[in-house]
PDB file of N, CA and C in Angstrom:
ATOM      1  N   UNK A   1     -12.624 -26.814 -24.720  1.00  0.00           N
ATOM      2  CA  UNK A   1     -11.601 -26.213 -23.898  1.00  0.00           C
ATOM      3  C   UNK A   1     -11.008 -27.291 -23.006  1.00  0.00           C
ATOM      4  N   UNK A   2      -9.688 -27.372 -22.998  1.00  0.00           N
ATOM      5  CA  UNK A   2      -8.994 -28.386 -22.217  1.00  0.00           C
ATOM      6  C   UNK A   2      -8.795 -27.925 -20.782  1.00  0.00           C
ATOM      7  N   UNK A   3      -9.085 -28.805 -19.866  1.00  0.00           N
ATOM      8  CA  UNK A   3      -8.894 -28.504 -18.453  1.00  0.00           C
ATOM      9  C   UNK A   3      -7.422 -28.739 -18.102  1.00  0.00           C
ATOM     10  N   UNK A   4      -6.773 -27.731 -17.509  1.00  0.00           N
ATOM     11  CA  UNK A   4      -5.355 -27.838 -17.157  1.00  0.00           C
ATOM     12  C   UNK A   4      -5.180 -28.789 -15.980  1.00  0.00           C
ATOM     13  N   UNK A   5      -4.159 -29.592 -16.053  1.00  0.00           N
ATOM     14  CA  UNK A   5      -3.800 -30.468 -14.947  1.00  0.00           C
ATOM     15  C   UNK A   5      -2.752 -29.761 -14.104  1.00  0.00           C
ATOM     16  N   UNK A   6      -2.646 -30.143 -12.832  1.00  0.00           N
ATOM     17  CA  UNK A   6      -1.670 -29.519 -11.941  1.00  0.00           C
ATOM     18  C   UNK A   6      -0.262 -29.561 -12.519  1.00  0.00           C
ATOM     19  N   UNK A   7       0.095 -30.643 -13.161  1.00  0.00           N
ATOM     20  CA  UNK A   7       1.444 -30.794 -13.704  1.00  0.00           C
ATOM     21  C   UNK A   7       1.686 -29.859 -14.889  1.00  0.00           C
ATOM     22  N   UNK A   8       0.626 -29.339 -15.502  1.00  0.00           N
ATOM     23  CA  UNK A   8       0.758 -28.460 -16.660  1.00  0.00           C
ATOM     24  C   UNK A   8       0.963 -26.994 -16.275  1.00  0.00           C
ATOM     25  N   UNK A   9       0.800 -26.688 -15.019  1.00  0.00           N
ATOM     26  CA  UNK A   9       0.835 -25.295 -14.591  1.00  0.00           C
ATOM     27  C   UNK A   9       2.163 -25.000 -13.897  1.00  0.00           C
ATOM     28  N   UNK A  10       2.891 -24.011 -14.431  1.00  0.00           N
ATOM     29  CA  UNK A  10       4.134 -23.580 -13.793  1.00  0.00           C
ATOM     30  C   UNK A  10       3.790 -22.572 -12.707  1.00  0.00           C
ATOM     31  N   UNK A  11       4.297 -22.805 -11.518  1.00  0.00           N
ATOM     32  CA  UNK A  11       4.002 -21.941 -10.391  1.00  0.00           C
ATOM     33  C   UNK A  11       5.315 -21.395  -9.840  1.00  0.00           C
ATOM     34  N   UNK A  12       5.333 -20.095  -9.626  1.00  0.00           N
ATOM     35  CA  UNK A  12       6.483 -19.446  -9.013  1.00  0.00           C
ATOM     36  C   UNK A  12       6.023 -18.852  -7.695  1.00  0.00           C
ATOM     37  N   UNK A  13       6.719 -19.192  -6.623  1.00  0.00           N
ATOM     38  CA  UNK A  13       6.345 -18.674  -5.307  1.00  0.00           C
ATOM     39  C   UNK A  13       6.643 -17.181  -5.245  1.00  0.00           C
ATOM     40  N   UNK A  14       5.732 -16.435  -4.657  1.00  0.00           N
ATOM     41  CA  UNK A  14       5.886 -14.989  -4.527  1.00  0.00           C
ATOM     42  C   UNK A  14       6.975 -14.646  -3.523  1.00  0.00           C
ATOM     43  N   UNK A  15       7.622 -13.538  -3.757  1.00  0.00           N
ATOM     44  CA  UNK A  15       8.615 -13.033  -2.812  1.00  0.00           C
ATOM     45  C   UNK A  15       7.926 -12.331  -1.647  1.00  0.00           C
ATOM     46  N   UNK A  16       6.628 -12.102  -1.772  1.00  0.00           N
ATOM     47  CA  UNK A  16       5.896 -11.334  -0.778  1.00  0.00           C
ATOM     48  C   UNK A  16       5.682  -9.896  -1.217  1.00  0.00           C
ATOM     49  N   UNK A  17       6.301  -9.526  -2.336  1.00  0.00           N
ATOM     50  CA  UNK A  17       6.138  -8.187  -2.891  1.00  0.00           C
ATOM     51  C   UNK A  17       5.832  -8.334  -4.375  1.00  0.00           C
ATOM     52  N   UNK A  18       4.587  -8.138  -4.742  1.00  0.00           N
ATOM     53  CA  UNK A  18       4.171  -8.307  -6.129  1.00  0.00           C
ATOM     54  C   UNK A  18       4.930  -7.367  -7.058  1.00  0.00           C
ATOM     55  N   UNK A  19       5.292  -6.180  -6.562  1.00  0.00           N
ATOM     56  CA  UNK A  19       6.019  -5.223  -7.389  1.00  0.00           C
ATOM     57  C   UNK A  19       7.427  -5.739  -7.700  1.00  0.00           C
ATOM     58  N   UNK A  20       8.061  -6.382  -6.734  1.00  0.00           N
ATOM     59  CA  UNK A  20       9.372  -6.993  -6.972  1.00  0.00           C
ATOM     60  C   UNK A  20       9.231  -8.171  -7.922  1.00  0.00           C
ATOM     61  N   UNK A  21       8.176  -8.953  -7.726  1.00  0.00           N
ATOM     62  CA  UNK A  21       7.944 -10.106  -8.606  1.00  0.00           C
ATOM     63  C   UNK A  21       7.765  -9.668 -10.054  1.00  0.00           C
ATOM     64  N   UNK A  22       7.215  -8.476 -10.250  1.00  0.00           N
ATOM     65  CA  UNK A  22       7.029  -7.939 -11.598  1.00  0.00           C
ATOM     66  C   UNK A  22       8.279  -7.231 -12.115  1.00  0.00           C
ATOM     67  N   UNK A  23       9.312  -7.145 -11.264  1.00  0.00           N
ATOM     68  CA  UNK A  23      10.567  -6.532 -11.672  1.00  0.00           C
ATOM     69  C   UNK A  23      10.520  -5.015 -11.714  1.00  0.00           C
ATOM     70  N   UNK A  24       9.606  -4.405 -10.956  1.00  0.00           N
ATOM     71  CA  UNK A  24       9.468  -2.957 -10.987  1.00  0.00           C
ATOM     72  C   UNK A  24      10.527  -2.281 -10.125  1.00  0.00           C
ATOM     73  N   UNK A  25      10.982  -1.141 -10.600  1.00  0.00           N
ATOM     74  CA  UNK A  25      11.941  -0.321  -9.873  1.00  0.00           C
ATOM     75  C   UNK A  25      11.248   0.204  -8.609  1.00  0.00           C
ATOM     76  N   UNK A  26      11.991   0.354  -7.541  1.00  0.00           N
ATOM     77  CA  UNK A  26      11.459   0.878  -6.278  1.00  0.00           C
ATOM     78  C   UNK A  26      10.337   0.015  -5.705  1.00  0.00           C
ATOM     79  N   UNK A  27      10.440  -1.287  -5.862  1.00  0.00           N
ATOM     80  CA  UNK A  27       9.398  -2.206  -5.392  1.00  0.00           C
ATOM     81  C   UNK A  27       9.085  -2.061  -3.900  1.00  0.00           C
ATOM     82  N   UNK A  28      10.081  -1.913  -3.010  1.00  0.00           N
ATOM     83  CA  UNK A  28       9.730  -1.774  -1.591  1.00  0.00           C
ATOM     84  C   UNK A  28       8.882  -0.527  -1.318  1.00  0.00           C
ATOM     85  N   UNK A  29       9.218   0.573  -1.963  1.00  0.00           N
ATOM     86  CA  UNK A  29       8.454   1.802  -1.774  1.00  0.00           C
ATOM     87  C   UNK A  29       7.049   1.667  -2.348  1.00  0.00           C
ATOM     88  N   UNK A  30       6.933   1.015  -3.489  1.00  0.00           N
ATOM     89  CA  UNK A  30       5.615   0.808  -4.101  1.00  0.00           C
ATOM     90  C   UNK A  30       4.722  -0.037  -3.198  1.00  0.00           C
ATOM     91  N   UNK A  31       5.291  -1.057  -2.591  1.00  0.00           N
ATOM     92  CA  UNK A  31       4.514  -1.906  -1.688  1.00  0.00           C
ATOM     93  C   UNK A  31       4.093  -1.129  -0.445  1.00  0.00           C
ATOM     94  N   UNK A  32       4.997  -0.319   0.108  1.00  0.00           N
ATOM     95  CA  UNK A  32       4.668   0.488   1.282  1.00  0.00           C
ATOM     96  C   UNK A  32       3.548   1.467   0.950  1.00  0.00           C
ATOM     97  N   UNK A  33       3.639   2.125  -0.200  1.00  0.00           N
ATOM     98  CA  UNK A  33       2.594   3.064  -0.600  1.00  0.00           C
ATOM     99  C   UNK A  33       1.266   2.349  -0.795  1.00  0.00           C
ATOM    100  N   UNK A  34       1.308   1.155  -1.358  1.00  0.00           N
ATOM    101  CA  UNK A  34       0.070   0.392  -1.561  1.00  0.00           C
ATOM    102  C   UNK A  34      -0.582   0.048  -0.232  1.00  0.00           C
ATOM    103  N   UNK A  35       0.210  -0.346   0.758  1.00  0.00           N
ATOM    104  CA  UNK A  35      -0.355  -0.700   2.059  1.00  0.00           C
ATOM    105  C   UNK A  35      -0.886   0.535   2.779  1.00  0.00           C
ATOM    106  N   UNK A  36      -0.169   1.650   2.709  1.00  0.00           N
ATOM    107  CA  UNK A  36      -0.659   2.879   3.319  1.00  0.00           C
ATOM    108  C   UNK A  36      -1.971   3.315   2.667  1.00  0.00           C
ATOM    109  N   UNK A  37      -2.035   3.190   1.355  1.00  0.00           N
ATOM    110  CA  UNK A  37      -3.250   3.551   0.618  1.00  0.00           C
ATOM    111  C   UNK A  37      -4.405   2.638   1.001  1.00  0.00           C
ATOM    112  N   UNK A  38      -4.117   1.371   1.207  1.00  0.00           N
ATOM    113  CA  UNK A  38      -5.158   0.422   1.631  1.00  0.00           C
ATOM    114  C   UNK A  38      -5.711   0.825   2.995  1.00  0.00           C
ATOM    115  N   UNK A  39      -4.838   1.278   3.877  1.00  0.00           N
ATOM    116  CA  UNK A  39      -5.286   1.706   5.198  1.00  0.00           C
ATOM    117  C   UNK A  39      -6.125   2.980   5.114  1.00  0.00           C
ATOM    118  N   UNK A  40      -5.764   3.885   4.209  1.00  0.00           N
ATOM    119  CA  UNK A  40      -6.583   5.087   3.991  1.00  0.00           C
ATOM    120  C   UNK A  40      -7.956   4.675   3.480  1.00  0.00           C
ATOM    121  N   UNK A  41      -7.986   3.782   2.500  1.00  0.00           N
ATOM    122  CA  UNK A  41      -9.239   3.271   1.954  1.00  0.00           C
ATOM    123  C   UNK A  41     -10.105   2.694   3.078  1.00  0.00           C
ATOM    124  N   UNK A  42      -9.504   1.839   3.910  1.00  0.00           N
ATOM    125  CA  UNK A  42     -10.250   1.205   5.005  1.00  0.00           C
ATOM    126  C   UNK A  42     -10.804   2.241   5.973  1.00  0.00           C
ATOM    127  N   UNK A  43     -10.005   3.254   6.304  1.00  0.00           N
ATOM    128  CA  UNK A  43     -10.449   4.285   7.246  1.00  0.00           C
ATOM    129  C   UNK A  43     -11.587   5.117   6.664  1.00  0.00           C
ATOM    130  N   UNK A  44     -11.499   5.452   5.391  1.00  0.00           N
ATOM    131  CA  UNK A  44     -12.567   6.228   4.739  1.00  0.00           C
ATOM    132  C   UNK A  44     -13.851   5.398   4.701  1.00  0.00           C
ATOM    133  N   UNK A  45     -13.723   4.125   4.367  1.00  0.00           N
ATOM    134  CA  UNK A  45     -14.893   3.246   4.325  1.00  0.00           C
ATOM    135  C   UNK A  45     -15.501   3.068   5.716  1.00  0.00           C
ATOM    136  N   UNK A  46     -14.658   2.883   6.725  1.00  0.00           N
ATOM    137  CA  UNK A  46     -15.153   2.680   8.089  1.00  0.00           C
ATOM    138  C   UNK A  46     -15.925   3.895   8.593  1.00  0.00           C
ATOM    139  N   UNK A  47     -15.507   5.068   8.172  1.00  0.00           N
ATOM    140  CA  UNK A  47     -16.197   6.298   8.582  1.00  0.00           C
ATOM    141  C   UNK A  47     -17.399   6.609   7.692  1.00  0.00           C
ATOM    142  N   UNK A  48     -17.572   5.802   6.641  1.00  0.00           N
ATOM    143  CA  UNK A  48     -18.674   5.998   5.689  1.00  0.00           C
ATOM    144  C   UNK A  48     -18.629   7.400   5.067  1.00  0.00           C
ATOM    145  N   UNK A  49     -17.421   7.850   4.762  1.00  0.00           N
ATOM    146  CA  UNK A  49     -17.241   9.167   4.151  1.00  0.00           C
ATOM    147  C   UNK A  49     -17.471   9.097   2.651  1.00  0.00           C
ATOM    148  N   UNK A  50     -18.071  10.122   2.108  1.00  0.00           N
ATOM    149  CA  UNK A  50     -18.110  10.264   0.663  1.00  0.00           C
ATOM    150  C   UNK A  50     -16.725  10.731   0.227  1.00  0.00           C
ATOM    151  N   UNK A  51     -16.463  10.684  -1.063  1.00  0.00           N
ATOM    152  CA  UNK A  51     -15.181  11.182  -1.551  1.00  0.00           C
ATOM    153  C   UNK A  51     -15.031  12.670  -1.241  1.00  0.00           C
ATOM    154  N   UNK A  52     -16.104  13.395  -1.383  1.00  0.00           N
ATOM    155  CA  UNK A  52     -16.049  14.833  -1.075  1.00  0.00           C
ATOM    156  C   UNK A  52     -15.823  15.064   0.418  1.00  0.00           C
ATOM    157  N   UNK A  53     -16.481  14.287   1.250  1.00  0.00           N
ATOM    158  CA  UNK A  53     -16.278  14.397   2.696  1.00  0.00           C
ATOM    159  C   UNK A  53     -14.847  14.052   3.086  1.00  0.00           C
ATOM    160  N   UNK A  54     -14.322  13.015   2.464  1.00  0.00           N
ATOM    161  CA  UNK A  54     -12.934  12.624   2.729  1.00  0.00           C
ATOM    162  C   UNK A  54     -11.979  13.718   2.261  1.00  0.00           C
ATOM    163  N   UNK A  55     -12.269  14.320   1.115  1.00  0.00           N
ATOM    164  CA  UNK A  55     -11.414  15.390   0.592  1.00  0.00           C
ATOM    165  C   UNK A  55     -11.363  16.556   1.577  1.00  0.00           C
ATOM    166  N   UNK A  56     -12.509  16.910   2.128  1.00  0.00           N
ATOM    167  CA  UNK A  56     -12.564  18.009   3.099  1.00  0.00           C
ATOM    168  C   UNK A  56     -11.770  17.653   4.350  1.00  0.00           C
ATOM    169  N   UNK A  57     -11.993  16.466   4.886  1.00  0.00           N
ATOM    170  CA  UNK A  57     -11.297  16.032   6.093  1.00  0.00           C
ATOM    171  C   UNK A  57      -9.784  15.941   5.875  1.00  0.00           C
ATOM    172  N   UNK A  58      -9.389  15.421   4.717  1.00  0.00           N
ATOM    173  CA  UNK A  58      -7.963  15.209   4.438  1.00  0.00           C
ATOM    174  C   UNK A  58      -7.260  16.461   3.929  1.00  0.00           C
ATOM    175  N   UNK A  59      -8.034  17.433   3.485  1.00  0.00           N
ATOM    176  CA  UNK A  59      -7.429  18.646   2.951  1.00  0.00           C
ATOM    177  C   UNK A  59      -6.805  18.449   1.581  1.00  0.00           C
ATOM    178  N   UNK A  60      -7.392  17.557   0.798  1.00  0.00           N
ATOM    179  CA  UNK A  60      -6.910  17.314  -0.563  1.00  0.00           C
ATOM    180  C   UNK A  60      -8.081  17.435  -1.531  1.00  0.00           C
ATOM    181  N   UNK A  61      -7.771  17.507  -2.806  1.00  0.00           N
ATOM    182  CA  UNK A  61      -8.806  17.661  -3.827  1.00  0.00           C
ATOM    183  C   UNK A  61      -9.603  16.366  -3.992  1.00  0.00           C
ATOM    184  N   UNK A  62     -10.867  16.516  -4.355  1.00  0.00           N
ATOM    185  CA  UNK A  62     -11.745  15.369  -4.595  1.00  0.00           C
ATOM    186  C   UNK A  62     -11.140  14.369  -5.581  1.00  0.00           C
ATOM    187  N   UNK A  63     -10.555  14.819  -6.713  1.00  0.00           N
ATOM    188  CA  UNK A  63      -9.950  13.850  -7.634  1.00  0.00           C
ATOM    189  C   UNK A  63      -8.798  13.055  -7.002  1.00  0.00           C
ATOM    190  N   UNK A  64      -8.089  13.673  -6.047  1.00  0.00           N
ATOM    191  CA  UNK A  64      -7.014  12.950  -5.358  1.00  0.00           C
ATOM    192  C   UNK A  64      -7.575  11.845  -4.471  1.00  0.00           C
ATOM    193  N   UNK A  65      -8.707  12.106  -3.822  1.00  0.00           N
ATOM    194  CA  UNK A  65      -9.356  11.067  -3.020  1.00  0.00           C
ATOM    195  C   UNK A  65      -9.793   9.928  -3.934  1.00  0.00           C
ATOM    196  N   UNK A  66     -10.395  10.267  -5.050  1.00  0.00           N
ATOM    197  CA  UNK A  66     -10.841   9.240  -5.999  1.00  0.00           C
ATOM    198  C   UNK A  66      -9.654   8.399  -6.455  1.00  0.00           C
ATOM    199  N   UNK A  67      -8.539   9.046  -6.756  1.00  0.00           N
ATOM    200  CA  UNK A  67      -7.338   8.312  -7.175  1.00  0.00           C
ATOM    201  C   UNK A  67      -6.897   7.344  -6.077  1.00  0.00           C
ATOM    202  N   UNK A  68      -6.813   7.826  -4.846  1.00  0.00           N
ATOM    203  CA  UNK A  68      -6.396   6.962  -3.743  1.00  0.00           C
ATOM    204  C   UNK A  68      -7.355   5.804  -3.536  1.00  0.00           C
ATOM    205  N   UNK A  69      -8.640   6.080  -3.601  1.00  0.00           N
ATOM    206  CA  UNK A  69      -9.635   5.035  -3.385  1.00  0.00           C
ATOM    207  C   UNK A  69      -9.593   3.977  -4.493  1.00  0.00           C
ATOM    208  N   UNK A  70      -8.988   4.346  -5.610  1.00  0.00           N
ATOM    209  CA  UNK A  70      -8.809   3.401  -6.712  1.00  0.00           C
ATOM    210  C   UNK A  70      -7.389   2.838  -6.758  1.00  0.00           C
ATOM    211  N   UNK A  71      -6.623   3.089  -5.684  1.00  0.00           N
ATOM    212  CA  UNK A  71      -5.293   2.503  -5.577  1.00  0.00           C
ATOM    213  C   UNK A  71      -4.212   3.197  -6.378  1.00  0.00           C
ATOM    214  N   UNK A  72      -4.483   4.389  -6.854  1.00  0.00           N
ATOM    215  CA  UNK A  72      -3.474   5.121  -7.634  1.00  0.00           C
ATOM    216  C   UNK A  72      -2.727   6.069  -6.704  1.00  0.00           C
ATOM    217  N   UNK A  73      -1.425   5.873  -6.603  1.00  0.00           N
ATOM    218  CA  UNK A  73      -0.626   6.648  -5.651  1.00  0.00           C
ATOM    219  C   UNK A  73       0.334   7.624  -6.324  1.00  0.00           C
ATOM    220  N   UNK A  74       0.253   7.767  -7.631  1.00  0.00           N
ATOM    221  CA  UNK A  74       1.117   8.720  -8.315  1.00  0.00           C
ATOM    222  C   UNK A  74       0.878  10.113  -7.734  1.00  0.00           C
ATOM    223  N   UNK A  75       1.958  10.793  -7.388  1.00  0.00           N
ATOM    224  CA  UNK A  75       1.838  12.125  -6.813  1.00  0.00           C
ATOM    225  C   UNK A  75       1.739  12.126  -5.300  1.00  0.00           C
ATOM    226  N   UNK A  76       1.726  10.945  -4.689  1.00  0.00           N
ATOM    227  CA  UNK A  76       1.669  10.832  -3.236  1.00  0.00           C
ATOM    228  C   UNK A  76       2.961  10.196  -2.735  1.00  0.00           C
ATOM    229  N   UNK A  77       3.647  10.887  -1.849  1.00  0.00           N
ATOM    230  CA  UNK A  77       4.839  10.318  -1.217  1.00  0.00           C
ATOM    231  C   UNK A  77       4.405   9.473  -0.027  1.00  0.00           C
ATOM    232  N   UNK A  78       5.306   8.660   0.459  1.00  0.00           N
ATOM    233  CA  UNK A  78       5.025   7.884   1.667  1.00  0.00           C
ATOM    234  C   UNK A  78       4.716   8.834   2.819  1.00  0.00           C
ATOM    235  N   UNK A  79       5.474   9.915   2.912  1.00  0.00           N
ATOM    236  CA  UNK A  79       5.255  10.914   3.962  1.00  0.00           C
ATOM    237  C   UNK A  79       3.847  11.494   3.882  1.00  0.00           C
ATOM    238  N   UNK A  80       3.415  11.844   2.700  1.00  0.00           N
ATOM    239  CA  UNK A  80       2.083  12.428   2.531  1.00  0.00           C
ATOM    240  C   UNK A  80       0.997  11.425   2.890  1.00  0.00           C
ATOM    241  N   UNK A  81       1.173  10.176   2.506  1.00  0.00           N
ATOM    242  CA  UNK A  81       0.185   9.146   2.836  1.00  0.00           C
ATOM    243  C   UNK A  81       0.096   8.951   4.351  1.00  0.00           C
ATOM    244  N   UNK A  82       1.244   8.986   5.032  1.00  0.00           N
ATOM    245  CA  UNK A  82       1.232   8.848   6.491  1.00  0.00           C
ATOM    246  C   UNK A  82       0.490  10.018   7.137  1.00  0.00           C
ATOM    247  N   UNK A  83       0.681  11.218   6.615  1.00  0.00           N
ATOM    248  CA  UNK A  83      -0.022  12.381   7.155  1.00  0.00           C
ATOM    249  C   UNK A  83      -1.531  12.261   6.943  1.00  0.00           C
ATOM    250  N   UNK A  84      -1.940  11.709   5.805  1.00  0.00           N
ATOM    251  CA  UNK A  84      -3.369  11.507   5.562  1.00  0.00           C
ATOM    252  C   UNK A  84      -3.944  10.512   6.556  1.00  0.00           C
ATOM    253  N   UNK A  85      -3.199   9.453   6.849  1.00  0.00           N
ATOM    254  CA  UNK A  85      -3.660   8.484   7.853  1.00  0.00           C
ATOM    255  C   UNK A  85      -3.814   9.133   9.222  1.00  0.00           C
ATOM    256  N   UNK A  86      -2.915  10.037   9.552  1.00  0.00           N
ATOM    257  CA  UNK A  86      -3.008  10.725  10.837  1.00  0.00           C
ATOM    258  C   UNK A  86      -4.241  11.627  10.871  1.00  0.00           C
ATOM    259  N   UNK A  87      -4.588  12.235   9.740  1.00  0.00           N
ATOM    260  CA  UNK A  87      -5.799  13.059   9.681  1.00  0.00           C
ATOM    261  C   UNK A  87      -7.052  12.210   9.846  1.00  0.00           C
ATOM    262  N   UNK A  88      -6.918  10.917   9.597  1.00  0.00           N
ATOM    263  CA  UNK A  88      -8.023   9.979   9.783  1.00  0.00           C
ATOM    264  C   UNK A  88      -7.960   9.332  11.171  1.00  0.00           C
ATOM    265  N   UNK A  89      -7.263  10.002  12.094  1.00  0.00           N
ATOM    266  CA  UNK A  89      -7.156   9.574  13.497  1.00  0.00           C
ATOM    267  C   UNK A  89      -6.436   8.247  13.686  1.00  0.00           C
ATOM    268  N   UNK A  90      -5.427   8.010  12.873  1.00  0.00           N
ATOM    269  CA  UNK A  90      -4.587   6.823  13.036  1.00  0.00           C
ATOM    270  C   UNK A  90      -3.228   7.247  13.576  1.00  0.00           C
ATOM    271  N   UNK A  91      -2.644   6.403  14.417  1.00  0.00           N
ATOM    272  CA  UNK A  91      -1.247   6.571  14.786  1.00  0.00           C
ATOM    273  C   UNK A  91      -0.425   5.875  13.716  1.00  0.00           C
ATOM    274  N   UNK A  92       0.684   6.490  13.339  1.00  0.00           N
ATOM    275  CA  UNK A  92       1.617   5.882  12.394  1.00  0.00           C
ATOM    276  C   UNK A  92       2.937   5.742  13.128  1.00  0.00           C
ATOM    277  N   UNK A  93       3.435   4.541  13.197  1.00  0.00           N
ATOM    278  CA  UNK A  93       4.642   4.255  13.959  1.00  0.00           C
ATOM    279  C   UNK A  93       5.733   3.790  13.006  1.00  0.00           C
ATOM    280  N   UNK A  94       6.912   4.366  13.143  1.00  0.00           N
ATOM    281  CA  UNK A  94       8.058   3.971  12.317  1.00  0.00           C
ATOM    282  C   UNK A  94       9.064   3.298  13.233  1.00  0.00           C
ATOM    283  N   UNK A  95       9.467   2.092  12.882  1.00  0.00           N
ATOM    284  CA  UNK A  95      10.430   1.331  13.672  1.00  0.00           C
ATOM    285  C   UNK A  95      11.638   1.044  12.784  1.00  0.00           C
ATOM    286  N   UNK A  96      12.811   1.396  13.274  1.00  0.00           N
ATOM    287  CA  UNK A  96      14.047   1.110  12.550  1.00  0.00           C
ATOM    288  C   UNK A  96      14.830   0.099  13.375  1.00  0.00           C
ATOM    289  N   UNK A  97      15.255  -0.991  12.731  1.00  0.00           N
ATOM    290  CA  UNK A  97      16.005  -2.021  13.452  1.00  0.00           C
ATOM    291  C   UNK A  97      17.027  -2.649  12.511  1.00  0.00           C
ATOM    292  N   UNK A  98      18.053  -3.245  13.064  1.00  0.00           N
ATOM    293  CA  UNK A  98      19.070  -3.877  12.214  1.00  0.00           C
ATOM    294  C   UNK A  98      18.477  -5.029  11.403  1.00  0.00           C
ATOM    295  N   UNK A  99      18.974  -5.176  10.191  1.00  0.00           N
ATOM    296  CA  UNK A  99      18.556  -6.276   9.319  1.00  0.00           C
ATOM    297  C   UNK A  99      19.186  -7.565   9.822  1.00  0.00           C
ATOM    298  N   UNK A 100      18.405  -8.635   9.916  1.00  0.00           N
ATOM    299  CA  UNK A 100      18.990  -9.924  10.310  1.00  0.00           C
ATOM    300  C   UNK A 100      20.011 -10.385   9.263  1.00  0.00           C
ATOM    301  N   UNK A 101      21.081 -10.979   9.714  1.00  0.00           N
ATOM    302  CA  UNK A 101      22.121 -11.450   8.796  1.00  0.00           C
ATOM    303  C   UNK A 101      21.606 -12.538   7.864  1.00  0.00           C
ATOM    304  N   UNK A 102      20.523 -13.206   8.264  1.00  0.00           N
ATOM    305  CA  UNK A 102      19.947 -14.272   7.438  1.00  0.00           C
ATOM    306  C   UNK A 102      19.237 -13.735   6.191  1.00  0.00           C
ATOM    307  N   UNK A 103      18.930 -12.422   6.176  1.00  0.00           N
ATOM    308  CA  UNK A 103      18.267 -11.826   5.022  1.00  0.00           C
ATOM    309  C   UNK A 103      19.276 -10.990   4.252  1.00  0.00           C
ATOM    310  N   UNK A 104      19.306 -11.144   2.937  1.00  0.00           N
ATOM    311  CA  UNK A 104      20.312 -10.490   2.103  1.00  0.00           C
ATOM    312  C   UNK A 104      20.135  -8.987   2.001  1.00  0.00           C
ATOM    313  N   UNK A 105      18.888  -8.531   1.968  1.00  0.00           N
ATOM    314  CA  UNK A 105      18.621  -7.113   1.747  1.00  0.00           C
ATOM    315  C   UNK A 105      17.758  -6.535   2.857  1.00  0.00           C
ATOM    316  N   UNK A 106      17.923  -5.237   3.055  1.00  0.00           N
ATOM    317  CA  UNK A 106      17.047  -4.525   3.967  1.00  0.00           C
ATOM    318  C   UNK A 106      15.684  -4.390   3.314  1.00  0.00           C
ATOM    319  N   UNK A 107      14.672  -4.129   4.107  1.00  0.00           N
ATOM    320  CA  UNK A 107      13.336  -4.005   3.550  1.00  0.00           C
ATOM    321  C   UNK A 107      12.591  -2.836   4.181  1.00  0.00           C
ATOM    322  N   UNK A 108      11.585  -2.418   3.504  1.00  0.00           N
ATOM    323  CA  UNK A 108      10.664  -1.398   3.984  1.00  0.00           C
ATOM    324  C   UNK A 108       9.330  -2.103   4.150  1.00  0.00           C
ATOM    325  N   UNK A 109       8.775  -2.061   5.342  1.00  0.00           N
ATOM    326  CA  UNK A 109       7.576  -2.847   5.641  1.00  0.00           C
ATOM    327  C   UNK A 109       6.528  -1.992   6.324  1.00  0.00           C
ATOM    328  N   UNK A 110       5.307  -2.088   5.861  1.00  0.00           N
ATOM    329  CA  UNK A 110       4.171  -1.416   6.491  1.00  0.00           C
ATOM    330  C   UNK A 110       3.247  -2.497   6.997  1.00  0.00           C
ATOM    331  N   UNK A 111       2.941  -2.444   8.296  1.00  0.00           N
ATOM    332  CA  UNK A 111       2.026  -3.405   8.918  1.00  0.00           C
ATOM    333  C   UNK A 111       0.860  -2.659   9.521  1.00  0.00           C
ATOM    334  N   UNK A 112      -0.303  -3.216   9.386  1.00  0.00           N
ATOM    335  CA  UNK A 112      -1.486  -2.646  10.034  1.00  0.00           C
ATOM    336  C   UNK A 112      -1.698  -3.379  11.349  1.00  0.00           C
ATOM    337  N   UNK A 113      -2.030  -2.616  12.358  1.00  0.00           N
ATOM    338  CA  UNK A 113      -2.263  -3.225  13.679  1.00  0.00           C
ATOM    339  C   UNK A 113      -3.680  -3.761  13.762  1.00  0.00           C
TER     340      UNK A 113
END
């Protein structure tokens, strides 16, 4: 097996959104949902909840908790994910501000505090 040299490897810098880099439709929304889901995962883990315990607390079915814990967000809107975070005793803050002229497109961004 040949060891690759640095010069042999083509590298493309990420845009910061893997979904956009993959050319997926609705990339900003997909990234926001992924970050919200990550925060749900972290909150469930921090509370040491079982999937069934999380399902009871969140008011959703056990299979839905399993899907979220595995990063699958199909069937979950951004709004629904934010409500789940609130049920896990998190504040969710939405900030709307003008896009800087230096950036070509508006963006949707989820940040964890």
